């Protein structure tokens, strides 16, 4: 385990996110964020760095490409006990990312609208979000990943009690939750596309 020093927060469900970001900030965690989440955190007077400012690469293609970058995924996937991984971070100016707080584009809510178009549904298929949370879940020994606002209090409590760290057991539970979350999400997309094909 290691102390959480840097987090990416990018959520479509913003329930409790300002309070969570404020608590992280008070514990000295550097916050990276994108789009509407970054604005909401900034508007609450909490220090936040736009992901595009960190990567040095602008969001593009109507926001389709923003977190898909080596400075993001290298920081998430690096094994902290692997000297070669840590050397690669140093050589490429990549900072460790210790926490990912992401929930996905609201595909289910989108397709439940009676007048939704096929194009609108397709645009609400999240790519960067699942990629980040799956990477973080794979590297759960070093990265805490939170996809459910109901877990914010548990994470904060452990960080306060353990000097900025979150237990292995909680990290593993949160990682399992990620794969259940993405499996359900992908299943919804597959079912939707199957219905389109079947007419």
C-alpha atoms as a PDB file:
ATOM      1  CA  UNK A   1       0.000   0.000   0.000  1.00  0.00           C
ATOM      2  CA  UNK A   2       1.017   3.603  -0.462  1.00  0.00           C
ATOM      3  CA  UNK A   3      -0.242   7.020   0.549  1.00  0.00           C
ATOM      4  CA  UNK A   4      -2.715   8.580  -1.844  1.00  0.00           C
ATOM      5  CA  UNK A   5      -1.131  11.728  -3.248  1.00  0.00           C
ATOM      6  CA  UNK A   6      -2.917  12.240  -6.571  1.00  0.00           C
ATOM      7  CA  UNK A   7      -6.449  11.456  -7.796  1.00  0.00           C
ATOM      8  CA  UNK A   8      -8.400  11.753 -11.021  1.00  0.00           C
ATOM      9  CA  UNK A   9     -12.051  12.645 -10.499  1.00  0.00           C
ATOM     10  CA  UNK A  10     -14.411  12.533 -13.490  1.00  0.00           C
ATOM     11  CA  UNK A  11     -18.013  11.602 -12.776  1.00  0.00           C
ATOM     12  CA  UNK A  12     -21.352  11.770 -14.546  1.00  0.00           C
ATOM     13  CA  UNK A  13     -23.184  11.134 -11.242  1.00  0.00           C
ATOM     14  CA  UNK A  14     -21.960  14.070  -9.156  1.00  0.00           C
ATOM     15  CA  UNK A  15     -23.674  12.989  -5.932  1.00  0.00           C
ATOM     16  CA  UNK A  16     -21.414  13.950  -3.020  1.00  0.00           C
ATOM     17  CA  UNK A  17     -18.453  14.705  -5.266  1.00  0.00           C
ATOM     18  CA  UNK A  18     -17.768  18.222  -3.979  1.00  0.00           C
ATOM     19  CA  UNK A  19     -17.646  17.027  -0.366  1.00  0.00           C
ATOM     20  CA  UNK A  20     -15.417  14.100  -1.349  1.00  0.00           C
ATOM     21  CA  UNK A  21     -13.045  16.317  -3.347  1.00  0.00           C
ATOM     22  CA  UNK A  22     -12.926  18.830  -0.475  1.00  0.00           C
ATOM     23  CA  UNK A  23     -11.966  16.089   1.990  1.00  0.00           C
ATOM     24  CA  UNK A  24      -9.247  14.777  -0.341  1.00  0.00           C
ATOM     25  CA  UNK A  25      -7.925  18.296  -0.847  1.00  0.00           C
ATOM     26  CA  UNK A  26      -7.779  18.847   2.926  1.00  0.00           C
ATOM     27  CA  UNK A  27      -5.655  15.683   3.192  1.00  0.00           C
ATOM     28  CA  UNK A  28      -3.219  17.092   0.646  1.00  0.00           C
ATOM     29  CA  UNK A  29      -4.329  15.022  -2.352  1.00  0.00           C
ATOM     30  CA  UNK A  30      -3.706  16.686  -5.733  1.00  0.00           C
ATOM     31  CA  UNK A  31      -6.862  16.512  -7.855  1.00  0.00           C
ATOM     32  CA  UNK A  32      -6.928  16.125 -11.642  1.00  0.00           C
ATOM     33  CA  UNK A  33     -10.261  16.376 -13.419  1.00  0.00           C
ATOM     34  CA  UNK A  34     -12.107  16.960 -16.682  1.00  0.00           C
ATOM     35  CA  UNK A  35     -15.034  18.921 -18.067  1.00  0.00           C
ATOM     36  CA  UNK A  36     -18.089  19.443 -15.916  1.00  0.00           C
ATOM     37  CA  UNK A  37     -16.568  17.705 -12.914  1.00  0.00           C
ATOM     38  CA  UNK A  38     -13.551  20.029 -12.952  1.00  0.00           C
ATOM     39  CA  UNK A  39     -15.856  23.060 -13.168  1.00  0.00           C
ATOM     40  CA  UNK A  40     -17.999  21.850 -10.265  1.00  0.00           C
ATOM     41  CA  UNK A  41     -14.940  21.250  -8.066  1.00  0.00           C
ATOM     42  CA  UNK A  42     -13.367  24.566  -9.063  1.00  0.00           C
ATOM     43  CA  UNK A  43     -16.626  26.457  -8.432  1.00  0.00           C
ATOM     44  CA  UNK A  44     -16.596  25.068  -4.879  1.00  0.00           C
ATOM     45  CA  UNK A  45     -13.207  26.730  -4.325  1.00  0.00           C
ATOM     46  CA  UNK A  46     -11.222  23.477  -4.390  1.00  0.00           C
ATOM     47  CA  UNK A  47      -7.852  23.352  -6.166  1.00  0.00           C
ATOM     48  CA  UNK A  48      -8.064  21.242  -9.322  1.00  0.00           C
ATOM     49  CA  UNK A  49      -5.860  20.713 -12.393  1.00  0.00           C
ATOM     50  CA  UNK A  50      -7.478  20.015 -15.758  1.00  0.00           C
ATOM     51  CA  UNK A  51      -6.276  16.710 -17.214  1.00  0.00           C
ATOM     52  CA  UNK A  52      -5.426  18.504 -20.468  1.00  0.00           C
ATOM     53  CA  UNK A  53      -3.136  20.878 -18.557  1.00  0.00           C
ATOM     54  CA  UNK A  54      -1.399  17.923 -16.943  1.00  0.00           C
ATOM     55  CA  UNK A  55      -0.971  15.907 -20.149  1.00  0.00           C
ATOM     56  CA  UNK A  56      -0.151  18.954 -22.281  1.00  0.00           C
ATOM     57  CA  UNK A  57      -2.620  17.602 -24.818  1.00  0.00           C
ATOM     58  CA  UNK A  58      -6.013  19.234 -25.439  1.00  0.00           C
ATOM     59  CA  UNK A  59      -9.355  17.482 -25.301  1.00  0.00           C
ATOM     60  CA  UNK A  60     -10.442  16.768 -28.863  1.00  0.00           C
ATOM     61  CA  UNK A  61     -13.171  15.269 -31.014  1.00  0.00           C
ATOM     62  CA  UNK A  62     -15.975  16.673 -28.850  1.00  0.00           C
ATOM     63  CA  UNK A  63     -14.393  15.242 -25.704  1.00  0.00           C
ATOM     64  CA  UNK A  64     -13.994  11.727 -27.119  1.00  0.00           C
ATOM     65  CA  UNK A  65     -10.244  11.920 -26.483  1.00  0.00           C
ATOM     66  CA  UNK A  66      -9.124  13.407 -23.180  1.00  0.00           C
ATOM     67  CA  UNK A  67      -7.876  10.783 -20.710  1.00  0.00           C
ATOM     68  CA  UNK A  68      -6.530   8.301 -23.283  1.00  0.00           C
ATOM     69  CA  UNK A  69      -2.917   9.343 -22.791  1.00  0.00           C
ATOM     70  CA  UNK A  70       0.322   7.689 -21.526  1.00  0.00           C
ATOM     71  CA  UNK A  71       0.669  10.307 -18.764  1.00  0.00           C
ATOM     72  CA  UNK A  72      -2.656   9.068 -17.432  1.00  0.00           C
ATOM     73  CA  UNK A  73      -2.402   5.332 -18.003  1.00  0.00           C
ATOM     74  CA  UNK A  74       1.303   5.107 -17.175  1.00  0.00           C
ATOM     75  CA  UNK A  75       0.547   6.805 -13.858  1.00  0.00           C
ATOM     76  CA  UNK A  76      -2.263   4.342 -13.149  1.00  0.00           C
ATOM     77  CA  UNK A  77      -0.658   1.096 -14.313  1.00  0.00           C
ATOM     78  CA  UNK A  78       2.913   1.439 -13.023  1.00  0.00           C
ATOM     79  CA  UNK A  79       3.851  -1.195 -10.451  1.00  0.00           C
ATOM     80  CA  UNK A  80       5.334   0.796  -7.602  1.00  0.00           C
ATOM     81  CA  UNK A  81       7.635  -2.054  -6.551  1.00  0.00           C
ATOM     82  CA  UNK A  82       9.033  -2.516 -10.071  1.00  0.00           C
ATOM     83  CA  UNK A  83      12.181  -0.377 -10.564  1.00  0.00           C
ATOM     84  CA  UNK A  84      11.816  -0.465 -14.359  1.00  0.00           C
ATOM     85  CA  UNK A  85       8.267   0.858 -14.153  1.00  0.00           C
ATOM     86  CA  UNK A  86       9.312   3.643 -11.803  1.00  0.00           C
ATOM     87  CA  UNK A  87      12.273   4.508 -14.016  1.00  0.00           C
ATOM     88  CA  UNK A  88       9.926   4.764 -17.016  1.00  0.00           C
ATOM     89  CA  UNK A  89       7.717   7.190 -15.074  1.00  0.00           C
ATOM     90  CA  UNK A  90      10.736   9.370 -14.285  1.00  0.00           C
ATOM     91  CA  UNK A  91      12.090   9.271 -17.837  1.00  0.00           C
ATOM     92  CA  UNK A  92       8.788  10.384 -19.335  1.00  0.00           C
ATOM     93  CA  UNK A  93       7.732  12.911 -16.701  1.00  0.00           C
ATOM     94  CA  UNK A  94       4.770  10.818 -15.590  1.00  0.00           C
ATOM     95  CA  UNK A  95       3.373  11.231 -12.070  1.00  0.00           C
ATOM     96  CA  UNK A  96       1.862   8.381 -10.074  1.00  0.00           C
ATOM     97  CA  UNK A  97      -1.933   8.426  -9.982  1.00  0.00           C
ATOM     98  CA  UNK A  98      -3.086   6.771  -6.773  1.00  0.00           C
ATOM     99  CA  UNK A  99      -6.860   7.081  -6.995  1.00  0.00           C
ATOM    100  CA  UNK A 100      -9.452   7.035  -9.779  1.00  0.00           C
ATOM    101  CA  UNK A 101     -12.952   8.311  -9.016  1.00  0.00           C
ATOM    102  CA  UNK A 102     -15.061   7.737 -12.119  1.00  0.00           C
ATOM    103  CA  UNK A 103     -18.569   6.725 -12.990  1.00  0.00           C
ATOM    104  CA  UNK A 104     -19.604   6.210 -16.560  1.00  0.00           C
ATOM    105  CA  UNK A 105     -21.641   8.090 -19.156  1.00  0.00           C
ATOM    106  CA  UNK A 106     -25.345   7.460 -18.411  1.00  0.00           C
ATOM    107  CA  UNK A 107     -25.993   4.946 -21.211  1.00  0.00           C
ATOM    108  CA  UNK A 108     -28.884   3.261 -19.395  1.00  0.00           C
ATOM    109  CA  UNK A 109     -30.674   6.558 -18.719  1.00  0.00           C
ATOM    110  CA  UNK A 110     -30.058   7.678 -22.293  1.00  0.00           C
ATOM    111  CA  UNK A 111     -31.576   4.617 -23.979  1.00  0.00           C
ATOM    112  CA  UNK A 112     -34.554   4.683 -21.604  1.00  0.00           C
ATOM    113  CA  UNK A 113     -35.710   7.980 -23.159  1.00  0.00           C
ATOM    114  CA  UNK A 114     -38.638   7.303 -25.499  1.00  0.00           C
ATOM    115  CA  UNK A 115     -37.335   9.655 -28.211  1.00  0.00           C
ATOM    116  CA  UNK A 116     -33.637   8.715 -28.050  1.00  0.00           C
ATOM    117  CA  UNK A 117     -31.865   8.494 -31.406  1.00  0.00           C
ATOM    118  CA  UNK A 118     -29.370   5.785 -32.294  1.00  0.00           C
ATOM    119  CA  UNK A 119     -26.649   8.445 -32.661  1.00  0.00           C
ATOM    120  CA  UNK A 120     -27.379   9.820 -29.170  1.00  0.00           C
ATOM    121  CA  UNK A 121     -27.175   6.329 -27.695  1.00  0.00           C
ATOM    122  CA  UNK A 122     -23.838   5.645 -29.404  1.00  0.00           C
ATOM    123  CA  UNK A 123     -22.377   8.946 -28.143  1.00  0.00           C
ATOM    124  CA  UNK A 124     -23.214   7.869 -24.600  1.00  0.00           C
ATOM    125  CA  UNK A 125     -20.969   4.814 -24.793  1.00  0.00           C
ATOM    126  CA  UNK A 126     -18.116   5.690 -22.456  1.00  0.00           C
ATOM    127  CA  UNK A 127     -14.590   4.773 -23.589  1.00  0.00           C
ATOM    128  CA  UNK A 128     -12.114   6.686 -21.410  1.00  0.00           C
ATOM    129  CA  UNK A 129     -13.989   5.969 -18.182  1.00  0.00           C
ATOM    130  CA  UNK A 130     -14.036   2.153 -18.466  1.00  0.00           C
ATOM    131  CA  UNK A 131     -10.418   2.197 -19.627  1.00  0.00           C
ATOM    132  CA  UNK A 132      -9.294   4.146 -16.563  1.00  0.00           C
ATOM    133  CA  UNK A 133     -11.297   2.183 -14.011  1.00  0.00           C
ATOM    134  CA  UNK A 134     -10.266  -1.183 -15.479  1.00  0.00           C
ATOM    135  CA  UNK A 135      -6.601  -0.104 -15.422  1.00  0.00           C
ATOM    136  CA  UNK A 136      -6.937   1.051 -11.818  1.00  0.00           C
ATOM    137  CA  UNK A 137      -8.753  -2.139 -10.792  1.00  0.00           C
ATOM    138  CA  UNK A 138      -6.032  -4.267 -12.404  1.00  0.00           C
ATOM    139  CA  UNK A 139      -3.445  -2.338 -10.366  1.00  0.00           C
ATOM    140  CA  UNK A 140      -5.565  -2.262  -7.189  1.00  0.00           C
ATOM    141  CA  UNK A 141      -2.565  -3.004  -4.969  1.00  0.00           C
ATOM    142  CA  UNK A 142      -1.419   0.558  -5.632  1.00  0.00           C
ATOM    143  CA  UNK A 143      -4.472   2.404  -6.949  1.00  0.00           C
ATOM    144  CA  UNK A 144      -7.810   2.951  -5.213  1.00  0.00           C
ATOM    145  CA  UNK A 145     -10.717   3.009  -7.674  1.00  0.00           C
ATOM    146  CA  UNK A 146     -14.148   4.315  -6.733  1.00  0.00           C
ATOM    147  CA  UNK A 147     -17.168   3.980  -9.048  1.00  0.00           C
ATOM    148  CA  UNK A 148     -19.948   4.303  -6.481  1.00  0.00           C
ATOM    149  CA  UNK A 149     -20.607   7.425  -4.356  1.00  0.00           C
ATOM    150  CA  UNK A 150     -21.726   5.067  -1.576  1.00  0.00           C
ATOM    151  CA  UNK A 151     -18.042   4.158  -1.089  1.00  0.00           C
ATOM    152  CA  UNK A 152     -16.778   7.727  -0.559  1.00  0.00           C
ATOM    153  CA  UNK A 153     -17.226   7.690   3.224  1.00  0.00           C
ATOM    154  CA  UNK A 154     -15.443   4.340   3.663  1.00  0.00           C
ATOM    155  CA  UNK A 155     -12.458   5.516   1.615  1.00  0.00           C
ATOM    156  CA  UNK A 156     -12.207   8.804   3.504  1.00  0.00           C
ATOM    157  CA  UNK A 157     -12.530   7.112   6.887  1.00  0.00           C
ATOM    158  CA  UNK A 158      -9.703   4.673   6.102  1.00  0.00           C
ATOM    159  CA  UNK A 159      -7.504   7.466   4.751  1.00  0.00           C
ATOM    160  CA  UNK A 160      -8.013   9.455   7.945  1.00  0.00           C
ATOM    161  CA  UNK A 161      -7.317   6.444  10.163  1.00  0.00           C
ATOM    162  CA  UNK A 162      -4.343   5.137   8.152  1.00  0.00           C
ATOM    163  CA  UNK A 163      -2.452   8.335   7.283  1.00  0.00           C
ATOM    164  CA  UNK A 164      -3.662   8.607   3.704  1.00  0.00           C
ATOM    165  CA  UNK A 165      -3.778   4.899   2.921  1.00  0.00           C
ATOM    166  CA  UNK A 166      -6.649   2.533   2.082  1.00  0.00           C
ATOM    167  CA  UNK A 167      -6.527  -1.120   3.149  1.00  0.00           C
ATOM    168  CA  UNK A 168      -5.786  -3.988   0.774  1.00  0.00           C
ATOM    169  CA  UNK A 169      -9.182  -5.525   1.561  1.00  0.00           C
ATOM    170  CA  UNK A 170     -11.036  -2.347   0.589  1.00  0.00           C
ATOM    171  CA  UNK A 171      -8.929  -1.896  -2.553  1.00  0.00           C
ATOM    172  CA  UNK A 172      -9.744  -5.460  -3.623  1.00  0.00           C
ATOM    173  CA  UNK A 173     -13.462  -5.033  -2.913  1.00  0.00           C
ATOM    174  CA  UNK A 174     -13.544  -1.799  -4.905  1.00  0.00           C
ATOM    175  CA  UNK A 175     -11.674  -3.465  -7.797  1.00  0.00           C
ATOM    176  CA  UNK A 176     -14.224  -6.293  -7.902  1.00  0.00           C
ATOM    177  CA  UNK A 177     -16.970  -3.683  -8.004  1.00  0.00           C
ATOM    178  CA  UNK A 178     -15.351  -2.119 -11.077  1.00  0.00           C
ATOM    179  CA  UNK A 179     -15.444  -5.315 -13.103  1.00  0.00           C
ATOM    180  CA  UNK A 180     -19.061  -5.983 -12.081  1.00  0.00           C
ATOM    181  CA  UNK A 181     -19.863  -2.390 -13.090  1.00  0.00           C
ATOM    182  CA  UNK A 182     -18.168  -2.575 -16.503  1.00  0.00           C
ATOM    183  CA  UNK A 183     -19.608  -6.054 -17.205  1.00  0.00           C
ATOM    184  CA  UNK A 184     -23.125  -4.747 -16.610  1.00  0.00           C
ATOM    185  CA  UNK A 185     -22.401  -1.615 -18.658  1.00  0.00           C
ATOM    186  CA  UNK A 186     -21.059  -3.571 -21.627  1.00  0.00           C
ATOM    187  CA  UNK A 187     -23.962  -6.002 -21.334  1.00  0.00           C
ATOM    188  CA  UNK A 188     -26.456  -3.130 -21.639  1.00  0.00           C
ATOM    189  CA  UNK A 189     -24.696  -1.858 -24.756  1.00  0.00           C
ATOM    190  CA  UNK A 190     -24.620  -5.329 -26.330  1.00  0.00           C
ATOM    191  CA  UNK A 191     -28.331  -5.853 -25.561  1.00  0.00           C
ATOM    192  CA  UNK A 192     -29.221  -2.450 -27.007  1.00  0.00           C
ATOM    193  CA  UNK A 193     -27.290  -3.084 -30.221  1.00  0.00           C
ATOM    194  CA  UNK A 194     -28.838  -6.544 -30.505  1.00  0.00           C
ATOM    195  CA  UNK A 195     -32.312  -5.010 -30.316  1.00  0.00           C
ATOM    196  CA  UNK A 196     -31.353  -2.573 -33.085  1.00  0.00           C
ATOM    197  CA  UNK A 197     -30.096  -5.452 -35.245  1.00  0.00           C
ATOM    198  CA  UNK A 198     -33.212  -7.519 -34.584  1.00  0.00           C
ATOM    199  CA  UNK A 199     -35.376  -4.504 -35.409  1.00  0.00           C
END
